[in-house]
Amino acid sequence: MVGAHYDLVVVSKVLAVALAVGLDVLALSVGVGVAQLGLGASFRVGSAFAVAEVAMQLIGYALGAGANQMLGEVADDLSLALLLLIGSLMIAKSFGYLPEAQFDTARGAGLLLASLSISLDSLGVGVALPAIGIPLVPLLVTISITTTAFTLIGLAFGARLGERYERNAERAAGAMLVLLASSFALERLV
């Protein structure tokens, strides 16, 4: 029964991280979707967002693993603090306390910058992964699926949902990252 409990805990962590990362993607996708993109552009945006999220997770994981080898538990604490900071910044941005760049997020440099901007939280999450013990491959598969799904959902409903819900999704993603960081910190204490 201990193994089943462990599996449920791991699956819950994977889904929680994927959901937190995916909600940020949903927030941006709703904004991009207001432009009424065609099917090809929607899949291009979804693919770019998914690739950026997974790539940043991998880069963050490598940085986190390297930091753990050099710094031990201090790296774990720094990783959780970074996750908390990223969530807090997402919440601040959703309330308009941080500046927001204006560019075409559906193509070219705008798409690249949008993909990188939404995936910076994934870099922080990736750095924290060695500290929180989430298996990498299931997480990356789940993130790529949820990112693509959230992107397509956000684009499809973007015109109808508008600015109001874009901010709320970003707030929810930030709050979820803050809660995850707090939960993982409490788990380490127990």
C-alpha atoms as a PDB file:
ATOM      1  CA  MET A   1       0.000   0.000   0.000  1.00  0.00           C
ATOM      2  CA  VAL A   2       2.952   2.343   0.593  1.00  0.00           C
ATOM      3  CA  GLY A   3       3.914   2.028  -3.099  1.00  0.00           C
ATOM      4  CA  ALA A   4       0.394   2.960  -4.218  1.00  0.00           C
ATOM      5  CA  HIS A   5       0.424   5.985  -1.902  1.00  0.00           C
ATOM      6  CA  TYR A   6       3.819   7.043  -3.282  1.00  0.00           C
ATOM      7  CA  ASP A   7       2.561   6.674  -6.868  1.00  0.00           C
ATOM      8  CA  LEU A   8      -0.493   8.796  -6.089  1.00  0.00           C
ATOM      9  CA  VAL A   9       1.707  11.471  -4.506  1.00  0.00           C
ATOM     10  CA  VAL A  10       4.034  11.504  -7.532  1.00  0.00           C
ATOM     11  CA  VAL A  11       1.125  11.647  -9.997  1.00  0.00           C
ATOM     12  CA  SER A  12      -0.445  14.465  -7.957  1.00  0.00           C
ATOM     13  CA  LYS A  13       2.810  16.440  -8.018  1.00  0.00           C
ATOM     14  CA  VAL A  14       3.241  15.915 -11.767  1.00  0.00           C
ATOM     15  CA  LEU A  15      -0.324  17.049 -12.470  1.00  0.00           C
ATOM     16  CA  ALA A  16      -0.063  20.042 -10.124  1.00  0.00           C
ATOM     17  CA  VAL A  17       3.156  21.292 -11.739  1.00  0.00           C
ATOM     18  CA  ALA A  18       1.805  20.708 -15.264  1.00  0.00           C
ATOM     19  CA  LEU A  19      -1.408  22.534 -14.384  1.00  0.00           C
ATOM     20  CA  ALA A  20       0.449  25.489 -12.861  1.00  0.00           C
ATOM     21  CA  VAL A  21       2.703  25.803 -15.898  1.00  0.00           C
ATOM     22  CA  GLY A  22      -0.221  25.252 -18.273  1.00  0.00           C
ATOM     23  CA  LEU A  23      -2.382  27.986 -16.744  1.00  0.00           C
ATOM     24  CA  ASP A  24       0.249  30.592 -17.618  1.00  0.00           C
ATOM     25  CA  VAL A  25       0.182  29.299 -21.195  1.00  0.00           C
ATOM     26  CA  LEU A  26      -3.613  29.486 -21.132  1.00  0.00           C
ATOM     27  CA  ALA A  27      -3.420  33.115 -20.006  1.00  0.00           C
ATOM     28  CA  LEU A  28      -1.209  34.127 -22.915  1.00  0.00           C
ATOM     29  CA  SER A  29      -3.139  31.976 -25.390  1.00  0.00           C
ATOM     30  CA  VAL A  30      -6.388  33.711 -24.502  1.00  0.00           C
ATOM     31  CA  GLY A  31      -4.749  37.041 -25.314  1.00  0.00           C
ATOM     32  CA  VAL A  32      -3.309  35.741 -28.588  1.00  0.00           C
ATOM     33  CA  GLY A  33      -6.647  34.113 -29.445  1.00  0.00           C
ATOM     34  CA  VAL A  34      -8.371  37.495 -29.497  1.00  0.00           C
ATOM     35  CA  ALA A  35      -6.698  37.961 -32.915  1.00  0.00           C
ATOM     36  CA  GLN A  36      -8.802  35.072 -34.338  1.00  0.00           C
ATOM     37  CA  LEU A  37      -5.896  32.939 -35.610  1.00  0.00           C
ATOM     38  CA  GLY A  38      -6.370  30.311 -38.279  1.00  0.00           C
ATOM     39  CA  LEU A  39      -5.897  26.595 -37.660  1.00  0.00           C
ATOM     40  CA  GLY A  40      -2.292  26.516 -38.938  1.00  0.00           C
ATOM     41  CA  ALA A  41      -1.267  29.487 -36.818  1.00  0.00           C
ATOM     42  CA  SER A  42      -2.964  27.949 -33.779  1.00  0.00           C
ATOM     43  CA  PHE A  43      -0.960  24.734 -34.102  1.00  0.00           C
ATOM     44  CA  ARG A  44       2.232  26.724 -34.732  1.00  0.00           C
ATOM     45  CA  VAL A  45       1.660  28.703 -31.525  1.00  0.00           C
ATOM     46  CA  GLY A  46       0.730  25.552 -29.560  1.00  0.00           C
ATOM     47  CA  SER A  47       3.828  23.716 -30.767  1.00  0.00           C
ATOM     48  CA  ALA A  48       6.117  26.659 -30.026  1.00  0.00           C
ATOM     49  CA  PHE A  49       4.727  27.037 -26.508  1.00  0.00           C
ATOM     50  CA  ALA A  50       5.036  23.296 -25.778  1.00  0.00           C
ATOM     51  CA  VAL A  51       8.626  23.104 -27.077  1.00  0.00           C
ATOM     52  CA  ALA A  52       9.610  26.174 -25.046  1.00  0.00           C
ATOM     53  CA  GLU A  53       8.035  24.801 -21.855  1.00  0.00           C
ATOM     54  CA  VAL A  54       9.754  21.405 -22.172  1.00  0.00           C
ATOM     55  CA  ALA A  55      13.112  22.930 -23.168  1.00  0.00           C
ATOM     56  CA  MET A  56      13.088  25.276 -20.182  1.00  0.00           C
ATOM     57  CA  GLN A  57      12.167  22.405 -17.847  1.00  0.00           C
ATOM     58  CA  LEU A  58      15.200  20.477 -19.127  1.00  0.00           C
ATOM     59  CA  ILE A  59      17.535  23.467 -18.822  1.00  0.00           C
ATOM     60  CA  GLY A  60      16.204  24.225 -15.353  1.00  0.00           C
ATOM     61  CA  TYR A  61      16.525  20.595 -14.308  1.00  0.00           C
ATOM     62  CA  ALA A  62      20.168  20.502 -15.444  1.00  0.00           C
ATOM     63  CA  LEU A  63      20.887  23.723 -13.564  1.00  0.00           C
ATOM     64  CA  GLY A  64      19.085  22.437 -10.478  1.00  0.00           C
ATOM     65  CA  ALA A  65      20.889  19.087 -10.515  1.00  0.00           C
ATOM     66  CA  GLY A  66      24.253  20.822 -10.903  1.00  0.00           C
ATOM     67  CA  ALA A  67      23.457  23.246  -8.109  1.00  0.00           C
ATOM     68  CA  ASN A  68      22.356  20.361  -5.877  1.00  0.00           C
ATOM     69  CA  GLN A  69      25.677  18.606  -6.371  1.00  0.00           C
ATOM     70  CA  MET A  70      27.591  21.769  -5.477  1.00  0.00           C
ATOM     71  CA  LEU A  71      25.390  23.243  -2.765  1.00  0.00           C
ATOM     72  CA  GLY A  72      23.388  20.349  -1.336  1.00  0.00           C
ATOM     73  CA  GLU A  73      20.304  21.341   0.661  1.00  0.00           C
ATOM     74  CA  VAL A  74      20.961  25.054   0.188  1.00  0.00           C
ATOM     75  CA  ALA A  75      20.238  24.532  -3.532  1.00  0.00           C
ATOM     76  CA  ASP A  76      16.927  22.889  -2.623  1.00  0.00           C
ATOM     77  CA  ASP A  77      15.966  25.893  -0.505  1.00  0.00           C
ATOM     78  CA  LEU A  78      17.020  28.312  -3.256  1.00  0.00           C
ATOM     79  CA  SER A  79      15.012  26.332  -5.813  1.00  0.00           C
ATOM     80  CA  LEU A  80      11.866  26.504  -3.717  1.00  0.00           C
ATOM     81  CA  ALA A  81      12.435  30.217  -3.112  1.00  0.00           C
ATOM     82  CA  LEU A  82      12.771  30.727  -6.878  1.00  0.00           C
ATOM     83  CA  LEU A  83       9.497  28.883  -7.458  1.00  0.00           C
ATOM     84  CA  LEU A  84       7.831  31.092  -4.845  1.00  0.00           C
ATOM     85  CA  LEU A  85       9.303  34.227  -6.458  1.00  0.00           C
ATOM     86  CA  ILE A  86       8.138  33.252  -9.943  1.00  0.00           C
ATOM     87  CA  GLY A  87       4.608  32.613  -8.693  1.00  0.00           C
ATOM     88  CA  SER A  88       4.599  35.938  -6.858  1.00  0.00           C
ATOM     89  CA  LEU A  89       5.818  37.783  -9.970  1.00  0.00           C
ATOM     90  CA  MET A  90       3.095  36.151 -12.070  1.00  0.00           C
ATOM     91  CA  ILE A  91       0.489  37.382  -9.600  1.00  0.00           C
ATOM     92  CA  ALA A  92       2.007  40.890  -9.582  1.00  0.00           C
ATOM     93  CA  LYS A  93       2.036  40.954 -13.400  1.00  0.00           C
ATOM     94  CA  SER A  94      -1.615  39.874 -13.520  1.00  0.00           C
ATOM     95  CA  PHE A  95      -2.567  42.904 -11.413  1.00  0.00           C
ATOM     96  CA  GLY A  96      -0.580  45.221 -13.708  1.00  0.00           C
ATOM     97  CA  TYR A  97       2.263  45.906 -11.279  1.00  0.00           C
ATOM     98  CA  LEU A  98       4.857  44.759 -13.820  1.00  0.00           C
ATOM     99  CA  PRO A  99       5.211  46.056 -17.406  1.00  0.00           C
ATOM    100  CA  GLU A 100       3.923  43.956 -20.275  1.00  0.00           C
ATOM    101  CA  ALA A 101       5.608  43.909 -23.697  1.00  0.00           C
ATOM    102  CA  GLN A 102       3.497  44.631 -26.790  1.00  0.00           C
ATOM    103  CA  PHE A 103       4.289  42.517 -29.864  1.00  0.00           C
ATOM    104  CA  ASP A 104       2.639  40.069 -32.281  1.00  0.00           C
ATOM    105  CA  THR A 105       2.731  36.795 -30.375  1.00  0.00           C
ATOM    106  CA  ALA A 106       1.414  34.704 -33.254  1.00  0.00           C
ATOM    107  CA  ARG A 107       4.486  34.805 -35.526  1.00  0.00           C
ATOM    108  CA  GLY A 108       8.204  35.433 -35.870  1.00  0.00           C
ATOM    109  CA  ALA A 109      10.112  37.207 -33.150  1.00  0.00           C
ATOM    110  CA  GLY A 110       6.910  37.870 -31.206  1.00  0.00           C
ATOM    111  CA  LEU A 111       6.121  34.145 -31.068  1.00  0.00           C
ATOM    112  CA  LEU A 112       9.691  33.374 -29.980  1.00  0.00           C
ATOM    113  CA  LEU A 113       9.603  36.031 -27.269  1.00  0.00           C
ATOM    114  CA  ALA A 114       6.138  34.954 -26.115  1.00  0.00           C
ATOM    115  CA  SER A 115       7.292  31.330 -25.935  1.00  0.00           C
ATOM    116  CA  LEU A 116      10.338  32.310 -23.906  1.00  0.00           C
ATOM    117  CA  SER A 117       8.408  34.657 -21.636  1.00  0.00           C
ATOM    118  CA  ILE A 118       5.823  32.050 -20.669  1.00  0.00           C
ATOM    119  CA  SER A 119       8.473  29.380 -20.265  1.00  0.00           C
ATOM    120  CA  LEU A 120      10.652  31.305 -17.804  1.00  0.00           C
ATOM    121  CA  ASP A 121       8.495  29.963 -15.002  1.00  0.00           C
ATOM    122  CA  SER A 122       9.275  26.491 -16.355  1.00  0.00           C
ATOM    123  CA  LEU A 123      12.969  27.252 -15.971  1.00  0.00           C
ATOM    124  CA  GLY A 124      12.356  27.970 -12.297  1.00  0.00           C
ATOM    125  CA  VAL A 125      10.171  24.901 -11.929  1.00  0.00           C
ATOM    126  CA  GLY A 126      12.847  22.812 -13.653  1.00  0.00           C
ATOM    127  CA  VAL A 127      15.479  24.097 -11.234  1.00  0.00           C
ATOM    128  CA  ALA A 128      13.258  23.001  -8.344  1.00  0.00           C
ATOM    129  CA  LEU A 129      12.589  19.485  -9.716  1.00  0.00           C
ATOM    130  CA  PRO A 130      15.666  17.789  -8.218  1.00  0.00           C
ATOM    131  CA  ALA A 131      14.662  19.193  -4.817  1.00  0.00           C
ATOM    132  CA  ILE A 132      11.058  17.999  -4.964  1.00  0.00           C
ATOM    133  CA  GLY A 133      11.650  14.558  -6.435  1.00  0.00           C
ATOM    134  CA  ILE A 134       9.333  14.587  -9.439  1.00  0.00           C
ATOM    135  CA  PRO A 135      10.318  12.109 -12.180  1.00  0.00           C
ATOM    136  CA  LEU A 136      11.419  14.054 -15.251  1.00  0.00           C
ATOM    137  CA  VAL A 137      10.057  12.038 -18.204  1.00  0.00           C
ATOM    138  CA  PRO A 138       6.436  11.733 -16.996  1.00  0.00           C
ATOM    139  CA  LEU A 139       6.489  15.427 -16.090  1.00  0.00           C
ATOM    140  CA  LEU A 140       7.791  16.500 -19.508  1.00  0.00           C
ATOM    141  CA  VAL A 141       5.248  14.350 -21.349  1.00  0.00           C
ATOM    142  CA  THR A 142       2.440  15.709 -19.179  1.00  0.00           C
ATOM    143  CA  ILE A 143       3.638  19.299 -19.604  1.00  0.00           C
ATOM    144  CA  SER A 144       3.876  18.991 -23.387  1.00  0.00           C
ATOM    145  CA  ILE A 145       0.333  17.604 -23.567  1.00  0.00           C
ATOM    146  CA  THR A 146      -1.191  20.117 -21.146  1.00  0.00           C
ATOM    147  CA  THR A 147       0.682  23.038 -22.712  1.00  0.00           C
ATOM    148  CA  THR A 148      -0.567  22.181 -26.188  1.00  0.00           C
ATOM    149  CA  ALA A 149      -4.102  21.575 -24.909  1.00  0.00           C
ATOM    150  CA  PHE A 150      -4.189  24.812 -22.896  1.00  0.00           C
ATOM    151  CA  THR A 151      -2.809  26.734 -25.872  1.00  0.00           C
ATOM    152  CA  LEU A 152      -5.451  25.412 -28.248  1.00  0.00           C
ATOM    153  CA  ILE A 153      -8.221  25.971 -25.685  1.00  0.00           C
ATOM    154  CA  GLY A 154      -6.987  29.504 -24.992  1.00  0.00           C
ATOM    155  CA  LEU A 155      -6.769  30.340 -28.684  1.00  0.00           C
ATOM    156  CA  ALA A 156     -10.199  28.876 -29.425  1.00  0.00           C
ATOM    157  CA  PHE A 157     -11.928  30.804 -26.674  1.00  0.00           C
ATOM    158  CA  GLY A 158      -9.691  33.883 -26.692  1.00  0.00           C
ATOM    159  CA  ALA A 159     -12.053  36.105 -28.623  1.00  0.00           C
ATOM    160  CA  ARG A 160     -14.907  35.305 -26.243  1.00  0.00           C
ATOM    161  CA  LEU A 161     -13.020  35.304 -22.966  1.00  0.00           C
ATOM    162  CA  GLY A 162     -11.058  38.500 -23.511  1.00  0.00           C
ATOM    163  CA  GLU A 163      -8.913  40.512 -21.169  1.00  0.00           C
ATOM    164  CA  ARG A 164     -10.863  39.777 -17.981  1.00  0.00           C
ATOM    165  CA  TYR A 165     -10.169  36.040 -17.913  1.00  0.00           C
ATOM    166  CA  GLU A 166      -6.610  36.348 -19.212  1.00  0.00           C
ATOM    167  CA  ARG A 167      -5.640  38.148 -16.003  1.00  0.00           C
ATOM    168  CA  ASN A 168      -7.537  35.676 -13.819  1.00  0.00           C
ATOM    169  CA  ALA A 169      -5.775  32.678 -15.412  1.00  0.00           C
ATOM    170  CA  GLU A 170      -2.396  34.315 -14.836  1.00  0.00           C
ATOM    171  CA  ARG A 171      -3.318  35.012 -11.211  1.00  0.00           C
ATOM    172  CA  ALA A 172      -4.426  31.409 -10.736  1.00  0.00           C
ATOM    173  CA  ALA A 173      -1.160  30.112 -12.220  1.00  0.00           C
ATOM    174  CA  GLY A 174       0.900  32.364  -9.961  1.00  0.00           C
ATOM    175  CA  ALA A 175      -1.122  31.387  -6.907  1.00  0.00           C
ATOM    176  CA  MET A 176      -0.714  27.712  -7.771  1.00  0.00           C
ATOM    177  CA  LEU A 177       3.086  28.093  -8.019  1.00  0.00           C
ATOM    178  CA  VAL A 178       3.158  29.888  -4.659  1.00  0.00           C
ATOM    179  CA  LEU A 179       1.045  27.109  -3.115  1.00  0.00           C
ATOM    180  CA  LEU A 180       3.220  24.421  -4.701  1.00  0.00           C
ATOM    181  CA  ALA A 181       6.403  26.031  -3.395  1.00  0.00           C
ATOM    182  CA  SER A 182       4.874  26.314   0.065  1.00  0.00           C
ATOM    183  CA  SER A 183       3.609  22.732  -0.052  1.00  0.00           C
ATOM    184  CA  PHE A 184       6.981  21.370  -1.163  1.00  0.00           C
ATOM    185  CA  ALA A 185       8.740  23.393   1.540  1.00  0.00           C
ATOM    186  CA  LEU A 186       6.384  22.021   4.209  1.00  0.00           C
ATOM    187  CA  GLU A 187       6.869  18.503   2.860  1.00  0.00           C
ATOM    188  CA  ARG A 188      10.639  18.867   3.263  1.00  0.00           C
ATOM    189  CA  LEU A 189      10.175  19.933   6.880  1.00  0.00           C
ATOM    190  CA  VAL A 190       8.055  16.895   7.738  1.00  0.00           C
END
